[in-house]
Amino acid sequence: MIIVMKPRASEQSIQAVTRYIEENGLQTHLSEGEEVTIIGIVGDKTKISTENLIIFKDVDRIVPVTESYKLANKKFHPEPTAVKVGGTSIGPGNLTIMAGPCAVEKEEQLLDIARAVKACGATLLRGGAYKPRTSPYSFQGLEEEGLRYMQEAGKAFGLATICEVVSQEAIEAAVKYVDMIQIGARNMQNFILLKEAGQSGLPVLLKRGLCATIDEWLNAAEYIIAEGNPNVVLCERGIRTFETATRNTLDLSAVPVLRTKTHLPVIVDPSHSTGSYKYVAPMAKAAVACDADGLMIEVHNDPAHALSDGPQSLNFEKFAALTGELKPFCELMGRSFL
């Protein structure tokens, strides 16, 4: 349920409504626009009377919210959210590029990659220190050592840093080194991990699960926000379908659909979704044209010898070419980049 206040409602009227709601054991979420304030109600609505609410001064109307996610809901927060990570902002008017290797391998190598992606306009360095792989025999990541390399490379080139976490222990380590944590597709509905991420104090990138619906994805985001962390960014990374020509099927329709459902920023990962460097550039351009707030792209100095996901990684030359080709798409969508 949301309460829409009349244009330019007084602060006293807003406080009176929120006080009534909170005194009855529910939580309120305030969204203040230039003229209209919306009060979202979270909790058991049977504890309050809509008849009592509507007679409060400056209350315009009461709107039911049928979706199970509330704090992530655009009805609760009509204006789009911008999430600040280090010196960059993910959200309206800006195209954020997150780039780097799937897995952190060596310190000097990561520094070389950070230098290259920074020169092409990336503002976040991505790199995996904890790698939940399909096979237990695949490279599993350098863990805290990799996080230290991420921190050093980020500081050296003025990049914010992001790394996937897979456990409470990984979160506790990550908060000491990186600027943003990522919940991967396989953990999208690991609700304990989502709560712990919400308590971390860091912005969270939430990837869509392999077979998750958009509403399931938004409910997963709700777990993080409900812990008091509003800084959530959604990442479409492809879903599992019957098609085998690509690693996954990139659901670009998710971007405009999410625009109607949530205020949270939405980025696209064309690397994991396609599984091949050949398709990364066209899908990245399509994502920008769909009004995505950013891209997550895997970049490696030597993809043929990468310890993880080499076939979908761009080398420095291909990444530079792509970022140059993105400029007219950004201009078309009214986004700044480079």
Protein backbone atom coordinates (compact mmCIF):
# COMPACT_ATOMS: atom_id res chain seq x y z
CA MET A 1 0.00 0.00 0.00
CA ILE A 2 1.16 3.52 -0.76
CA ILE A 3 -0.23 6.85 0.36
CA VAL A 4 0.00 9.67 -2.17
CA MET A 5 0.06 13.05 -0.49
CA LYS A 6 -1.40 16.14 -2.11
CA PRO A 7 1.01 18.42 -4.02
CA ARG A 8 3.15 20.45 -1.64
CA ALA A 9 1.76 18.70 1.44
CA SER A 10 3.08 20.19 4.66
CA GLU A 11 5.82 18.50 6.67
CA GLN A 12 3.44 18.35 9.64
CA SER A 13 0.86 16.43 7.60
CA ILE A 14 3.48 13.95 6.36
CA GLN A 15 4.80 13.39 9.87
CA ALA A 16 1.28 12.86 11.24
CA VAL A 17 0.60 10.12 8.69
CA THR A 18 3.94 8.36 9.21
CA ARG A 19 3.54 8.55 12.98
CA TYR A 20 0.10 6.90 12.81
CA ILE A 21 1.49 4.08 10.64
CA GLU A 22 4.57 3.45 12.78
CA GLU A 23 2.60 3.58 16.05
CA ASN A 24 0.59 0.66 14.68
CA GLY A 25 3.71 -1.46 14.17
CA LEU A 26 4.38 -0.94 10.45
CA GLN A 27 7.32 0.57 8.62
CA THR A 28 7.21 3.60 6.33
CA HIS A 29 9.27 4.42 3.27
CA LEU A 30 9.30 8.05 2.14
CA SER A 31 9.77 9.06 -1.50
CA GLU A 32 9.86 12.83 -1.85
CA GLY A 33 9.48 14.35 -5.31
CA GLU A 34 9.59 18.02 -6.22
CA GLU A 35 5.86 18.40 -5.62
CA VAL A 36 4.42 15.09 -4.43
CA THR A 37 5.47 12.89 -1.51
CA ILE A 38 4.65 9.17 -1.49
CA ILE A 39 4.58 7.18 1.75
CA GLY A 40 5.08 3.46 1.31
CA ILE A 41 3.80 1.07 3.98
CA VAL A 42 5.64 -2.16 4.72
CA GLY A 43 4.11 -4.75 7.03
CA ASP A 44 0.73 -6.22 7.95
CA LYS A 45 -1.75 -3.68 6.56
CA THR A 46 -4.62 -5.23 8.57
CA LYS A 47 -3.23 -3.36 11.60
CA ILE A 48 -4.30 0.02 10.18
CA SER A 49 -7.53 1.45 8.84
CA THR A 50 -7.59 2.94 5.35
CA GLU A 51 -10.70 4.84 6.40
CA ASN A 52 -8.67 6.54 9.12
CA LEU A 53 -5.76 7.25 6.79
CA ILE A 54 -7.80 8.92 4.06
CA ILE A 55 -9.11 11.58 6.44
CA PHE A 56 -5.64 12.78 7.44
CA LYS A 57 -4.91 16.30 6.23
CA ASP A 58 -3.16 16.47 2.81
CA VAL A 59 -3.72 12.78 1.97
CA ASP A 60 -4.72 12.60 -1.71
CA ARG A 61 -5.32 8.89 -2.26
CA ILE A 62 -4.37 5.37 -1.15
CA VAL A 63 -3.08 2.92 -3.75
CA PRO A 64 -2.81 -0.85 -3.10
CA VAL A 65 0.43 -2.57 -4.08
CA THR A 66 -0.26 -6.10 -5.23
CA GLU A 67 3.36 -7.10 -5.89
CA SER A 68 5.17 -8.90 -3.07
CA TYR A 69 8.24 -6.68 -3.46
CA LYS A 70 7.71 -3.23 -1.98
CA LEU A 71 10.96 -1.31 -1.45
CA ALA A 72 12.20 -2.23 -4.93
CA ASN A 73 8.86 -1.24 -6.43
CA LYS A 74 8.53 1.80 -8.67
CA LYS A 75 5.19 2.57 -7.02
CA PHE A 76 7.03 3.15 -3.74
CA HIS A 77 9.82 5.16 -5.38
CA PRO A 78 8.73 6.70 -8.70
CA GLU A 79 12.02 8.48 -9.40
CA PRO A 80 14.92 6.34 -10.74
CA THR A 81 17.65 5.59 -8.23
CA ALA A 82 21.33 6.35 -8.82
CA VAL A 83 23.79 4.15 -6.94
CA LYS A 84 27.15 5.68 -6.13
CA VAL A 85 30.17 3.39 -6.16
CA GLY A 86 33.48 5.06 -5.44
CA GLY A 87 33.72 8.03 -7.77
CA THR A 88 31.11 6.83 -10.25
CA SER A 89 27.32 6.82 -10.33
CA ILE A 90 25.21 4.02 -11.82
CA GLY A 91 21.88 5.33 -13.00
CA PRO A 92 20.10 7.94 -15.14
CA GLY A 93 22.05 9.92 -17.70
CA ASN A 94 25.23 7.90 -17.43
CA LEU A 95 26.58 4.71 -18.99
CA THR A 96 28.74 2.83 -16.51
CA ILE A 97 31.28 0.33 -17.82
CA MET A 98 32.49 -2.44 -15.50
CA ALA A 99 35.36 -4.31 -17.10
CA GLY A 100 38.08 -6.76 -16.19
CA PRO A 101 38.93 -10.44 -16.08
CA CYS A 102 36.53 -13.16 -15.03
CA ALA A 103 39.09 -14.30 -12.48
CA VAL A 104 42.00 -12.46 -10.89
CA GLU A 105 45.09 -14.46 -11.79
CA LYS A 106 48.27 -12.45 -11.11
CA GLU A 107 49.03 -9.03 -9.64
CA GLU A 108 50.96 -7.57 -12.59
CA GLN A 109 48.46 -8.94 -15.05
CA LEU A 110 45.57 -7.28 -13.21
CA LEU A 111 47.43 -3.97 -13.20
CA ASP A 112 47.86 -4.23 -16.99
CA ILE A 113 44.17 -4.96 -17.45
CA ALA A 114 43.15 -2.11 -15.13
CA ARG A 115 45.32 0.31 -17.09
CA ALA A 116 43.78 -0.79 -20.39
CA VAL A 117 40.12 -0.65 -19.32
CA LYS A 118 40.59 2.71 -17.61
CA ALA A 119 42.02 4.17 -20.83
CA CYS A 120 38.86 3.07 -22.67
CA GLY A 121 36.38 4.65 -20.28
CA ALA A 122 35.64 1.96 -17.70
CA THR A 123 35.02 3.32 -14.20
CA LEU A 124 34.73 0.00 -12.35
CA LEU A 125 37.26 -2.82 -12.36
CA ARG A 126 35.61 -6.22 -12.16
CA GLY A 127 37.48 -9.34 -11.16
CA GLY A 128 36.64 -12.64 -9.52
CA ALA A 129 38.46 -13.71 -6.35
CA TYR A 130 35.88 -16.37 -5.46
CA LYS A 131 34.80 -18.46 -8.42
CA PRO A 132 31.78 -20.75 -8.02
CA ARG A 133 32.48 -22.99 -11.01
CA THR A 134 30.35 -25.72 -12.52
CA SER A 135 33.20 -28.22 -12.12
CA PRO A 136 34.94 -28.62 -8.74
CA TYR A 137 38.19 -29.15 -10.64
CA SER A 138 38.13 -25.73 -12.35
CA PHE A 139 40.11 -22.76 -11.03
CA GLN A 140 38.32 -21.51 -7.90
CA GLY A 141 39.99 -18.12 -7.48
CA LEU A 142 42.73 -16.56 -5.32
CA GLU A 143 40.26 -15.50 -2.60
CA GLU A 144 41.65 -12.80 -0.24
CA GLU A 145 44.92 -12.56 -2.13
CA GLY A 146 42.91 -11.69 -5.25
CA LEU A 147 40.97 -9.06 -3.30
CA ARG A 148 44.24 -7.38 -2.32
CA TYR A 149 45.27 -7.27 -5.97
CA MET A 150 41.89 -5.71 -6.82
CA GLN A 151 42.38 -3.00 -4.23
CA GLU A 152 45.89 -2.20 -5.46
CA ALA A 153 44.85 -2.03 -9.12
CA GLY A 154 41.82 0.11 -8.32
CA LYS A 155 43.89 2.61 -6.37
CA ALA A 156 46.62 2.68 -9.00
CA PHE A 157 44.25 3.75 -11.78
CA GLY A 158 41.40 5.49 -9.96
CA LEU A 159 38.88 2.73 -10.55
CA ALA A 160 36.15 1.54 -8.22
CA THR A 161 36.22 -2.23 -7.72
CA ILE A 162 33.64 -5.01 -7.69
CA CYS A 163 33.99 -8.69 -6.81
CA GLU A 164 31.56 -11.58 -6.45
CA VAL A 165 31.00 -13.02 -2.97
CA VAL A 166 29.77 -16.53 -2.23
CA SER A 167 29.60 -16.72 1.58
CA GLN A 168 29.53 -14.66 4.77
CA GLU A 169 33.29 -15.20 5.07
CA ALA A 170 33.79 -13.83 1.55
CA ILE A 171 31.70 -10.76 2.39
CA GLU A 172 33.73 -10.12 5.54
CA ALA A 173 36.91 -10.22 3.47
CA ALA A 174 35.53 -8.23 0.53
CA VAL A 175 34.40 -5.22 2.60
CA LYS A 176 38.05 -4.60 3.49
CA TYR A 177 39.16 -4.31 -0.13
CA VAL A 178 36.45 -3.56 -2.72
CA ASP A 179 33.82 -0.86 -3.30
CA MET A 180 30.94 -3.09 -4.42
CA ILE A 181 29.99 -6.74 -4.02
CA GLN A 182 28.26 -8.98 -6.52
CA ILE A 183 25.76 -11.75 -5.92
CA GLY A 184 26.10 -14.16 -8.81
CA ALA A 185 23.32 -15.87 -10.75
CA ARG A 186 23.69 -19.15 -8.86
CA ASN A 187 23.17 -17.36 -5.54
CA MET A 188 20.30 -15.06 -6.55
CA GLN A 189 17.91 -16.97 -4.29
CA ASN A 190 20.40 -17.74 -1.54
CA PHE A 191 18.30 -15.70 0.86
CA ILE A 192 20.71 -15.93 3.78
CA LEU A 193 23.51 -14.58 1.58
CA LEU A 194 21.22 -11.80 0.30
CA LYS A 195 20.49 -10.69 3.87
CA GLU A 196 24.19 -10.73 4.71
CA ALA A 197 24.93 -8.67 1.59
CA GLY A 198 22.27 -6.20 2.70
CA GLN A 199 24.07 -5.83 6.02
CA SER A 200 27.52 -5.39 4.46
CA GLY A 201 27.33 -1.63 4.01
CA LEU A 202 28.52 -1.90 0.40
CA PRO A 203 26.50 -1.41 -2.81
CA VAL A 204 25.33 -4.72 -4.25
CA LEU A 205 25.15 -5.91 -7.86
CA LEU A 206 22.49 -8.61 -8.11
CA LYS A 207 22.67 -10.87 -11.14
CA ARG A 208 19.55 -12.56 -12.44
CA GLY A 209 19.30 -16.28 -11.76
CA LEU A 210 19.65 -18.71 -14.63
CA CYS A 211 15.94 -19.57 -14.64
CA ALA A 212 14.51 -16.70 -12.60
CA THR A 213 11.47 -14.68 -13.56
CA ILE A 214 11.69 -10.90 -13.29
CA ASP A 215 9.42 -10.89 -10.23
CA GLU A 216 11.59 -13.51 -8.51
CA TRP A 217 14.62 -11.35 -9.28
CA LEU A 218 12.96 -8.26 -7.79
CA ASN A 219 11.95 -10.20 -4.69
CA ALA A 220 15.61 -11.20 -4.29
CA ALA A 221 16.53 -7.50 -4.46
CA GLU A 222 13.89 -6.86 -1.80
CA TYR A 223 15.78 -9.12 0.62
CA ILE A 224 18.84 -6.86 0.31
CA ILE A 225 16.95 -3.57 0.56
CA ALA A 226 14.89 -4.81 3.51
CA GLU A 227 18.15 -5.08 5.49
CA GLY A 228 18.57 -1.32 5.17
CA ASN A 229 20.73 -1.25 2.04
CA PRO A 230 19.01 0.66 -0.81
CA ASN A 231 22.09 0.57 -3.07
CA VAL A 232 21.19 -2.34 -5.33
CA VAL A 233 21.94 -2.62 -9.05
CA LEU A 234 20.31 -5.34 -11.17
CA CYS A 235 22.31 -7.19 -13.84
CA GLU A 236 20.71 -9.11 -16.71
CA ARG A 237 23.19 -11.86 -17.68
CA GLY A 238 21.11 -14.23 -19.77
CA ILE A 239 18.71 -17.00 -18.84
CA ARG A 240 18.64 -20.70 -19.65
CA THR A 241 16.45 -21.68 -22.59
CA PHE A 242 16.39 -24.53 -25.12
CA GLU A 243 18.78 -22.59 -27.39
CA THR A 244 22.39 -23.84 -27.49
CA ALA A 245 23.97 -21.45 -30.01
CA THR A 246 24.94 -19.16 -27.14
CA ARG A 247 25.89 -19.91 -23.55
CA ASN A 248 22.62 -18.39 -22.32
CA THR A 249 19.84 -16.36 -23.94
CA LEU A 250 20.25 -12.66 -23.26
CA ASP A 251 16.83 -11.30 -22.32
CA LEU A 252 17.11 -7.66 -23.38
CA SER A 253 13.36 -7.25 -22.97
CA ALA A 254 14.06 -7.40 -19.22
CA VAL A 255 15.48 -3.87 -19.36
CA PRO A 256 12.32 -2.06 -20.53
CA VAL A 257 10.16 -4.38 -18.41
CA LEU A 258 12.16 -3.47 -15.31
CA ARG A 259 11.78 0.22 -16.13
CA THR A 260 8.04 -0.20 -15.55
CA LYS A 261 8.45 -2.19 -12.33
CA THR A 262 11.40 -0.82 -10.37
CA HIS A 263 13.42 2.31 -9.66
CA LEU A 264 16.68 0.34 -9.37
CA PRO A 265 19.46 0.75 -11.98
CA VAL A 266 19.77 -2.03 -14.56
CA ILE A 267 22.95 -3.11 -16.33
CA VAL A 268 23.63 -5.89 -18.86
CA ASP A 269 26.39 -8.49 -19.04
CA PRO A 270 26.87 -9.45 -22.72
CA SER A 271 29.87 -11.64 -21.90
CA HIS A 272 28.31 -14.30 -19.65
CA SER A 273 25.08 -14.24 -21.59
CA THR A 274 26.57 -15.09 -24.98
CA GLY A 275 29.68 -17.02 -23.98
CA SER A 276 31.59 -15.83 -27.06
CA TYR A 277 33.60 -12.68 -27.70
CA LYS A 278 32.11 -12.57 -31.23
CA TYR A 279 28.69 -11.61 -29.87
CA VAL A 280 29.71 -9.25 -27.06
CA ALA A 281 29.91 -6.06 -29.14
CA PRO A 282 26.51 -6.30 -30.91
CA MET A 283 24.73 -7.27 -27.70
CA ALA A 284 26.46 -4.47 -25.78
CA LYS A 285 25.22 -1.94 -28.37
CA ALA A 286 21.71 -3.40 -28.22
CA ALA A 287 21.77 -3.15 -24.42
CA VAL A 288 22.60 0.57 -24.59
CA ALA A 289 19.83 1.06 -27.15
CA CYS A 290 17.43 -0.67 -24.72
CA ASP A 291 18.31 2.02 -22.13
CA ALA A 292 20.55 -0.05 -19.86
CA ASP A 293 22.41 1.97 -17.24
CA GLY A 294 25.65 0.11 -17.80
CA LEU A 295 27.58 -2.88 -19.08
CA MET A 296 29.70 -5.55 -17.42
CA ILE A 297 32.30 -6.82 -19.90
CA GLU A 298 35.03 -9.39 -19.46
CA VAL A 299 38.44 -8.17 -20.65
CA HIS A 300 41.68 -10.15 -20.56
CA ASN A 301 45.20 -9.48 -21.80
CA ASP A 302 45.44 -13.01 -23.25
CA PRO A 303 42.00 -14.62 -23.55
CA ALA A 304 43.36 -17.82 -25.12
CA HIS A 305 45.20 -18.59 -21.88
CA ALA A 306 42.71 -17.21 -19.35
CA LEU A 307 42.08 -19.46 -16.35
CA SER A 308 38.35 -18.72 -16.55
CA ASP A 309 35.96 -17.80 -19.38
CA GLY A 310 38.58 -16.96 -21.99
CA PRO A 311 36.27 -17.58 -24.99
CA GLN A 312 33.92 -14.76 -23.96
CA SER A 313 36.63 -12.25 -22.99
CA LEU A 314 37.65 -9.33 -25.18
CA ASN A 315 41.32 -8.52 -25.64
CA PHE A 316 42.46 -4.91 -25.25
CA GLU A 317 42.11 -4.11 -28.94
CA LYS A 318 38.55 -5.43 -29.20
CA PHE A 319 37.51 -3.67 -25.99
CA ALA A 320 38.90 -0.35 -27.21
CA ALA A 321 37.05 -0.76 -30.51
CA LEU A 322 33.78 -1.53 -28.72
CA THR A 323 33.91 1.44 -26.37
CA GLY A 324 34.56 3.71 -29.34
CA GLU A 325 31.56 2.28 -31.17
CA LEU A 326 29.30 2.78 -28.14
CA LYS A 327 29.52 6.58 -28.25
CA PRO A 328 26.77 7.20 -30.85
CA PHE A 329 24.45 4.79 -29.01
CA CYS A 330 25.03 6.73 -25.78
CA GLU A 331 24.29 10.00 -27.55
CA LEU A 332 21.09 8.53 -28.98
CA MET A 333 19.92 7.54 -25.50
CA GLY A 334 21.04 10.79 -23.87
CA ARG A 335 23.73 9.17 -21.76
CA SER A 336 27.22 10.46 -21.07
CA PHE A 337 30.23 8.23 -21.64
CA LEU A 338 33.90 9.19 -22.01
